[in-house]
Protein backbone atom coordinates (compact mmCIF):
# COMPACT_ATOMS: atom_id res chain seq x y z
CA UNK A 1 34.16 5.21 -61.43
CA UNK A 2 34.75 7.49 -64.39
CA UNK A 3 32.14 10.07 -65.04
CA UNK A 4 31.44 11.15 -68.59
CA UNK A 5 30.21 14.50 -69.48
CA UNK A 6 29.46 16.41 -72.76
CA UNK A 7 31.87 19.34 -72.25
CA UNK A 8 35.62 19.89 -72.38
CA UNK A 9 37.36 20.40 -69.05
CA UNK A 10 40.72 21.64 -69.99
CA UNK A 11 39.63 25.03 -71.10
CA UNK A 12 38.53 28.48 -69.91
CA UNK A 13 34.86 29.29 -69.29
CA UNK A 14 33.37 32.56 -68.29
CA UNK A 15 32.29 32.13 -64.60
CA UNK A 16 30.81 35.55 -63.79
CA UNK A 17 31.23 39.27 -64.07
CA UNK A 18 33.19 41.28 -61.62
CA UNK A 19 30.14 43.09 -60.30
CA UNK A 20 28.67 39.61 -59.22
CA UNK A 21 31.53 39.24 -56.54
CA UNK A 22 31.90 42.94 -55.71
CA UNK A 23 30.03 42.79 -52.36
CA UNK A 24 30.01 39.03 -51.36
CA UNK A 25 30.97 35.55 -52.49
CA UNK A 26 29.10 33.99 -55.41
CA UNK A 27 28.22 30.28 -55.53
CA UNK A 28 27.77 28.90 -59.01
CA UNK A 29 27.73 25.46 -60.55
CA UNK A 30 30.04 25.22 -63.56
CA UNK A 31 30.46 21.95 -65.62
CA UNK A 32 28.86 20.02 -62.78
CA UNK A 33 31.17 21.41 -60.16
CA UNK A 34 29.91 23.81 -57.39
CA UNK A 35 32.42 26.67 -57.08
CA UNK A 36 32.56 29.74 -54.90
CA UNK A 37 33.93 32.84 -56.45
CA UNK A 38 35.06 35.93 -54.42
CA UNK A 39 37.45 38.70 -54.35
CA UNK A 40 40.46 38.38 -52.03
CA UNK A 41 41.69 41.99 -51.85
CA UNK A 42 42.30 42.76 -55.47
CA UNK A 43 42.32 39.15 -56.80
CA UNK A 44 39.48 36.99 -58.08
CA UNK A 45 39.58 33.55 -56.44
CA UNK A 46 37.65 30.30 -56.98
CA UNK A 47 37.50 27.28 -54.75
CA UNK A 48 35.15 24.39 -54.22
CA UNK A 49 31.84 25.59 -52.56
CA UNK A 50 32.13 23.05 -49.67
CA UNK A 51 33.38 23.70 -46.15
CA UNK A 52 35.57 20.78 -45.03
CA UNK A 53 33.92 20.97 -41.48
CA UNK A 54 30.27 20.10 -42.15
CA UNK A 55 29.89 20.46 -45.84
CA UNK A 56 28.14 23.85 -45.74
CA UNK A 57 28.43 25.98 -48.93
CA UNK A 58 31.24 28.47 -48.41
CA UNK A 59 29.38 30.92 -50.68
CA UNK A 60 27.03 31.60 -47.72
CA UNK A 61 29.97 33.07 -45.79
CA UNK A 62 31.95 36.28 -46.04
CA UNK A 63 35.45 37.62 -46.99
CA UNK A 64 37.23 38.91 -43.93
CA UNK A 65 39.71 41.90 -43.81
CA UNK A 66 42.62 39.58 -44.62
CA UNK A 67 41.02 38.40 -47.85
CA UNK A 68 40.18 34.88 -46.50
CA UNK A 69 36.73 33.27 -46.92
CA UNK A 70 34.96 32.65 -43.64
CA UNK A 71 32.27 29.90 -43.61
CA UNK A 72 28.90 31.29 -42.54
CA UNK A 73 28.02 28.10 -40.41
CA UNK A 74 30.88 27.75 -37.84
CA UNK A 75 33.50 30.25 -38.97
CA UNK A 76 36.04 27.95 -40.69
CA UNK A 77 38.55 30.31 -42.35
CA UNK A 78 39.68 29.22 -45.80
CA UNK A 79 42.69 30.80 -47.71
CA UNK A 80 42.81 31.31 -51.54
CA UNK A 81 44.46 27.98 -52.05
CA UNK A 82 41.45 26.11 -50.58
CA UNK A 83 43.35 25.17 -47.33
CA UNK A 84 41.97 25.41 -43.84
CA UNK A 85 43.52 28.43 -42.06
CA UNK A 86 41.77 28.69 -38.69
CA UNK A 87 38.48 28.18 -36.89
CA UNK A 88 37.46 29.82 -33.52
CA UNK A 89 38.52 27.56 -30.63
CA UNK A 90 39.84 24.74 -32.87
CA UNK A 91 43.10 23.48 -34.55
CA UNK A 92 42.18 22.90 -38.14
CA UNK A 93 45.47 23.72 -40.09
CA UNK A 94 45.99 20.10 -40.68
CA UNK A 95 42.58 19.42 -41.98
CA UNK A 96 42.20 18.49 -45.66
CA UNK A 97 41.27 21.45 -47.68
CA UNK A 98 39.20 21.80 -50.83
CA UNK A 99 40.04 22.19 -54.53
CA UNK A 100 41.14 25.59 -55.79
CA UNK A 101 40.48 26.54 -59.50
CA UNK A 102 42.70 28.69 -61.81
CA UNK A 103 40.79 31.95 -62.21
CA UNK A 104 41.68 34.95 -64.42
CA UNK A 105 40.06 38.35 -64.75
CA UNK A 106 40.10 39.64 -68.33
CA UNK A 107 37.85 41.55 -70.84
CA UNK A 108 35.39 42.43 -68.19
CA UNK A 109 34.79 38.78 -67.14
CA UNK A 110 36.01 36.26 -64.48
CA UNK A 111 37.29 33.16 -66.26
CA UNK A 112 37.70 29.71 -64.63
CA UNK A 113 39.70 26.58 -65.80
CA UNK A 114 37.79 23.45 -64.79
CA UNK A 115 40.33 20.87 -65.79
CA UNK A 116 43.91 19.97 -64.80
CA UNK A 117 45.23 23.09 -63.13
CA UNK A 118 48.80 22.53 -64.44
CA UNK A 119 47.44 22.99 -67.94
CA UNK A 120 45.83 26.36 -67.23
CA UNK A 121 47.54 28.80 -69.38
CA UNK A 122 46.06 32.26 -69.39
CA UNK A 123 47.35 32.79 -72.99
CA UNK A 124 44.64 30.32 -74.09
CA UNK A 125 41.90 32.76 -73.14
CA UNK A 126 40.49 33.98 -76.52
CA UNK A 127 41.68 37.51 -77.58
CA UNK A 128 38.70 39.90 -77.28
CA UNK A 129 40.94 43.06 -76.85
CA UNK A 130 38.23 45.42 -78.11
CA UNK A 131 36.74 45.21 -74.69
CA UNK A 132 39.51 47.61 -73.53
CA UNK A 133 39.42 49.56 -76.73
CA UNK A 134 38.13 53.12 -76.26
CA UNK A 135 36.74 53.11 -79.90
CA UNK A 136 34.33 50.28 -78.85
CA UNK A 137 31.42 50.05 -76.57
CA UNK A 138 30.00 46.92 -74.87
CA UNK A 139 26.75 46.21 -73.10
CA UNK A 140 25.42 42.83 -72.17
CA UNK A 141 23.70 40.58 -69.70
CA UNK A 142 23.38 37.00 -68.21
CA UNK A 143 20.63 34.38 -68.61
CA UNK A 144 20.18 31.13 -66.86
CA UNK A 145 18.68 28.64 -69.43
CA UNK A 146 17.56 25.07 -68.88
CA UNK A 147 19.08 23.54 -71.94
CA UNK A 148 22.28 21.58 -72.93
CA UNK A 149 25.01 24.11 -74.00
CA UNK A 150 25.20 22.41 -77.48
CA UNK A 151 21.61 23.40 -78.18
CA UNK A 152 22.64 27.07 -77.76
CA UNK A 153 25.63 26.57 -80.00
CA UNK A 154 23.27 25.14 -82.71
CA UNK A 155 21.07 28.16 -82.16
CA UNK A 156 23.81 30.68 -82.75
CA UNK A 157 25.43 28.90 -85.66
CA UNK A 158 22.24 28.73 -87.57
CA UNK A 159 20.42 32.05 -87.55
CA UNK A 160 17.58 30.84 -89.93
CA UNK A 161 15.43 30.63 -86.84
CA UNK A 162 15.40 34.50 -86.78
CA UNK A 163 12.50 34.57 -89.27
CA UNK A 164 10.25 32.81 -86.82
CA UNK A 165 11.55 33.22 -83.36
CA UNK A 166 12.48 36.98 -83.76
CA UNK A 167 9.85 38.02 -86.35
CA UNK A 168 9.31 41.46 -84.85
CA UNK A 169 13.12 42.44 -84.33
CA UNK A 170 15.81 40.87 -86.41
CA UNK A 171 13.90 38.32 -88.38
CA UNK A 172 12.79 38.62 -92.08
CA UNK A 173 11.75 36.15 -94.74
CA UNK A 174 14.78 37.00 -96.90
CA UNK A 175 17.01 35.09 -94.50
CA UNK A 176 15.64 31.84 -95.84
CA UNK A 177 16.31 32.87 -99.43
CA UNK A 178 20.13 32.68 -98.90
CA UNK A 179 21.64 29.39 -97.86
CA UNK A 180 24.57 29.80 -95.37
CA UNK A 181 28.09 28.76 -96.00
CA UNK A 182 29.77 26.72 -93.26
CA UNK A 183 33.54 25.70 -92.96
CA UNK A 184 36.39 25.21 -90.66
CA UNK A 185 39.02 27.87 -90.41
CA UNK A 186 41.85 26.57 -88.26
CA UNK A 187 40.44 26.19 -84.72
CA UNK A 188 37.26 28.03 -85.71
CA UNK A 189 34.04 27.02 -87.23
CA UNK A 190 32.54 29.76 -89.46
CA UNK A 191 29.02 30.09 -90.74
CA UNK A 192 28.30 33.03 -93.00
CA UNK A 193 25.29 34.43 -94.85
CA UNK A 194 24.92 37.47 -96.89
CA UNK A 195 21.80 39.10 -98.30
CA UNK A 196 21.53 41.87 -100.92
CA UNK A 197 19.02 44.71 -101.55
CA UNK A 198 16.47 43.73 -98.93
CA UNK A 199 14.53 45.84 -96.40
CA UNK A 200 16.10 46.33 -93.05
CA UNK A 201 14.14 44.57 -90.20
CA UNK A 202 13.01 46.65 -87.19
CA UNK A 203 16.15 46.19 -84.97
CA UNK A 204 18.47 47.12 -87.88
CA UNK A 205 16.19 50.10 -88.89
CA UNK A 206 16.85 51.47 -85.28
CA UNK A 207 20.55 50.81 -85.66
CA UNK A 208 20.67 52.73 -88.91
CA UNK A 209 18.91 55.61 -87.18
CA UNK A 210 21.30 55.45 -84.29
CA UNK A 211 24.16 55.75 -86.90
CA UNK A 212 22.44 58.75 -88.60
CA UNK A 213 21.46 56.67 -91.68
CA UNK A 214 18.26 56.40 -93.61
CA UNK A 215 16.47 53.15 -92.23
CA UNK A 216 13.98 52.97 -95.13
CA UNK A 217 16.26 52.28 -98.02
CA UNK A 218 17.35 48.69 -99.30
CA UNK A 219 20.26 47.27 -97.48
CA UNK A 220 22.89 44.61 -97.87
CA UNK A 221 22.97 42.37 -94.73
CA UNK A 222 25.44 39.95 -93.25
CA UNK A 223 25.75 37.39 -90.45
CA UNK A 224 29.04 35.77 -89.75
CA UNK A 225 29.10 33.32 -86.78
CA UNK A 226 32.49 32.18 -85.49
CA UNK A 227 32.61 29.34 -82.90
CA UNK A 228 35.80 28.64 -80.87
CA UNK A 229 35.93 25.82 -78.37
CA UNK A 230 34.56 25.19 -75.78
CA UNK A 231 31.49 27.34 -76.46
CA UNK A 232 32.43 30.91 -77.40
CA UNK A 233 30.71 32.35 -80.30
CA UNK A 234 31.28 35.89 -81.92
CA UNK A 235 28.82 36.93 -84.58
CA UNK A 236 29.52 39.66 -86.93
CA UNK A 237 26.25 41.30 -87.87
CA UNK A 238 25.21 44.43 -89.75
CA UNK A 239 23.63 46.18 -92.63
CA UNK A 240 24.77 48.69 -95.19
CA UNK A 241 23.01 50.82 -97.68
CA UNK A 242 22.80 48.55 -100.77
CA UNK A 243 25.40 49.02 -103.37
CA UNK A 244 28.23 50.35 -101.18
CA UNK A 245 30.01 47.03 -100.64
CA UNK A 246 27.97 45.33 -97.92
CA UNK A 247 30.35 44.03 -95.23
CA UNK A 248 33.16 46.14 -96.66
CA UNK A 249 31.09 49.31 -96.88
CA UNK A 250 32.58 52.47 -95.41
CA UNK A 251 31.67 53.32 -91.94
CA UNK A 252 29.31 56.17 -92.94
CA UNK A 253 27.16 53.68 -94.93
CA UNK A 254 26.53 50.92 -92.51
CA UNK A 255 25.53 49.92 -89.04
CA UNK A 256 27.43 46.83 -87.67
CA UNK A 257 28.44 45.20 -84.43
CA UNK A 258 29.68 41.93 -82.91
CA UNK A 259 27.21 39.77 -80.95
CA UNK A 260 29.16 38.27 -77.96
CA UNK A 261 28.11 34.91 -76.74
CA UNK A 262 29.88 32.93 -73.90
CA UNK A 263 28.06 29.78 -73.08
CA UNK A 264 29.03 28.03 -69.82
CA UNK A 265 27.54 24.62 -68.97
CA UNK A 266 26.10 24.41 -65.51
CA UNK A 267 24.76 20.86 -65.82
CA UNK A 268 23.98 18.60 -68.83
CA UNK A 269 20.54 20.42 -69.19
CA UNK A 270 21.39 23.99 -68.02
CA UNK A 271 23.73 26.75 -68.83
CA UNK A 272 24.91 30.25 -67.88
CA UNK A 273 24.56 32.43 -71.05
CA UNK A 274 26.63 35.61 -71.09
CA UNK A 275 25.43 37.72 -74.01
CA UNK A 276 26.22 41.11 -75.24
CA UNK A 277 26.93 43.38 -78.24
CA UNK A 278 29.96 45.35 -79.04
CA UNK A 279 29.89 48.27 -81.46
CA UNK A 280 32.40 50.71 -82.90
CA UNK A 281 30.13 53.68 -83.60
CA UNK A 282 29.21 56.31 -80.91
CA UNK A 283 31.14 54.36 -78.32
CA UNK A 284 30.74 57.07 -75.63
CA UNK A 285 26.90 57.15 -75.89
CA UNK A 286 25.89 55.32 -72.87
CA UNK A 287 22.19 55.85 -73.47
CA UNK A 288 22.54 54.15 -76.81
CA UNK A 289 24.39 51.26 -75.13
CA UNK A 290 21.45 50.88 -72.73
CA UNK A 291 18.93 50.94 -75.57
CA UNK A 292 20.79 48.37 -77.59
CA UNK A 293 21.20 46.18 -74.41
CA UNK A 294 17.48 46.32 -73.79
CA UNK A 295 16.57 45.42 -77.34
CA UNK A 296 19.15 42.57 -77.50
CA UNK A 297 17.97 41.29 -74.03
CA UNK A 298 14.44 40.87 -75.35
CA UNK A 299 15.63 39.13 -78.49
CA UNK A 300 17.61 36.64 -76.41
CA UNK A 301 14.63 36.07 -73.99
CA UNK A 302 12.77 34.80 -77.01
CA UNK A 303 15.51 32.12 -77.58
CA UNK A 304 15.27 31.07 -73.97
CA UNK A 305 11.67 30.05 -74.18
CA UNK A 306 12.26 28.00 -77.37
CA UNK A 307 15.52 26.34 -76.15
CA UNK A 308 13.91 25.26 -72.85
CA UNK A 309 10.97 23.78 -74.62
CA UNK A 310 13.28 22.09 -77.12
CA UNK A 311 15.29 20.56 -74.27
CA UNK A 312 12.12 19.18 -72.57
CA UNK A 313 11.09 17.53 -75.87
CA UNK A 314 14.46 15.93 -76.36
CA UNK A 315 14.43 14.55 -72.75
CA UNK A 316 10.97 13.04 -73.39
CA UNK A 317 12.06 11.55 -76.75
CA UNK A 318 15.64 10.31 -76.18
CA UNK A 319 15.50 7.91 -79.05
CA UNK A 320 14.28 10.29 -81.73
CA UNK A 321 16.88 10.99 -84.33
CA UNK A 322 17.00 14.66 -85.52
CA UNK A 323 17.30 15.77 -89.05
CA UNK A 324 20.54 17.51 -90.33
CA UNK A 325 19.88 20.05 -93.05
CA UNK A 326 22.08 22.32 -95.05
CA UNK A 327 21.42 25.17 -92.57
CA UNK A 328 22.66 22.99 -89.72
CA UNK A 329 26.31 22.82 -91.13
CA UNK A 330 27.83 25.14 -88.60
CA UNK A 331 26.33 23.50 -85.60
CA UNK A 332 27.37 19.98 -86.96
CA UNK A 333 30.99 21.01 -87.57
CA UNK A 334 31.09 22.65 -84.08
CA UNK A 335 29.83 19.47 -82.46
CA UNK A 336 32.28 17.30 -84.33
CA UNK A 337 35.14 19.46 -83.06
CA UNK A 338 33.85 19.26 -79.52
CA UNK A 339 33.54 15.49 -79.73
CA UNK A 340 37.15 15.19 -80.81
CA UNK A 341 38.33 17.42 -77.94
CA UNK A 342 36.24 15.51 -75.34
CA UNK A 343 37.33 12.16 -76.59
CA UNK A 344 41.02 13.16 -76.38
CA UNK A 345 40.47 14.25 -72.73
CA UNK A 346 38.65 11.17 -71.65
């Protein structure tokens, strides 16, 4: 029987961060599959979270001194390829093993390929090299959200909701006055919106202060969301003192950053949402990084409540058709791109 699903499989997803597997194995469901991630000596590894002996989750075990994963139920020892290596008092080397997954560690994340392992090319991991650039700083976090991953893509490709969901931080009425422009750029979907000579909302007033700029003068503001399959979104955001070129203003006239969004499906109605913000001003100020992370975490927690309520409504009303407005263009284009990829796989 063929199982259909709403996500691409032959692609890289963010599975976890290195700190999550620093001390013990991590069990995590990704694209409907239960996987255990752990560090074998210096290498990050992912295999099916299922002991061949009695079906216990291998994530409840531990990593021994040889870098093998030991089941916490009866001591079955599994190697990095998912094969049974040994077990106290038993001969198990001929036992069928479990699936192993291609795993790569890059840009501060552990990535997993959920499809055909022979197609897993590390060069297909998107280039986010500023993670390792000393001129940039990054801070972020992880939320588990009970919604389909495409709802989060819609949310991030249409920032009109900021006026209402984030009214006390990044939202302002002026957002609604400027319709966004959405288009395809190669393998990327772009939605951009620019606003001129407007007041800076509270979050951006603080960002201007952090950058030693007057927060109370009119600003030009921009939001440029870039979606790349399967579910990675980078959003260039910022404000500049009005009249200095907006997005192209010199560094001493603006505060800008990149909002980082990696959305990993757990099930059809739940996701792992890795969020963060990268900035190229005061990169060595760790206190500033913590302040921005705290503020951004609060903003995204507001999205969480709305998205989970939206998902419940959609499950209760499966036959209701949703409207598509001009502000939905980026999300619609992203969904079309995903539909083509999924159809080609299946």
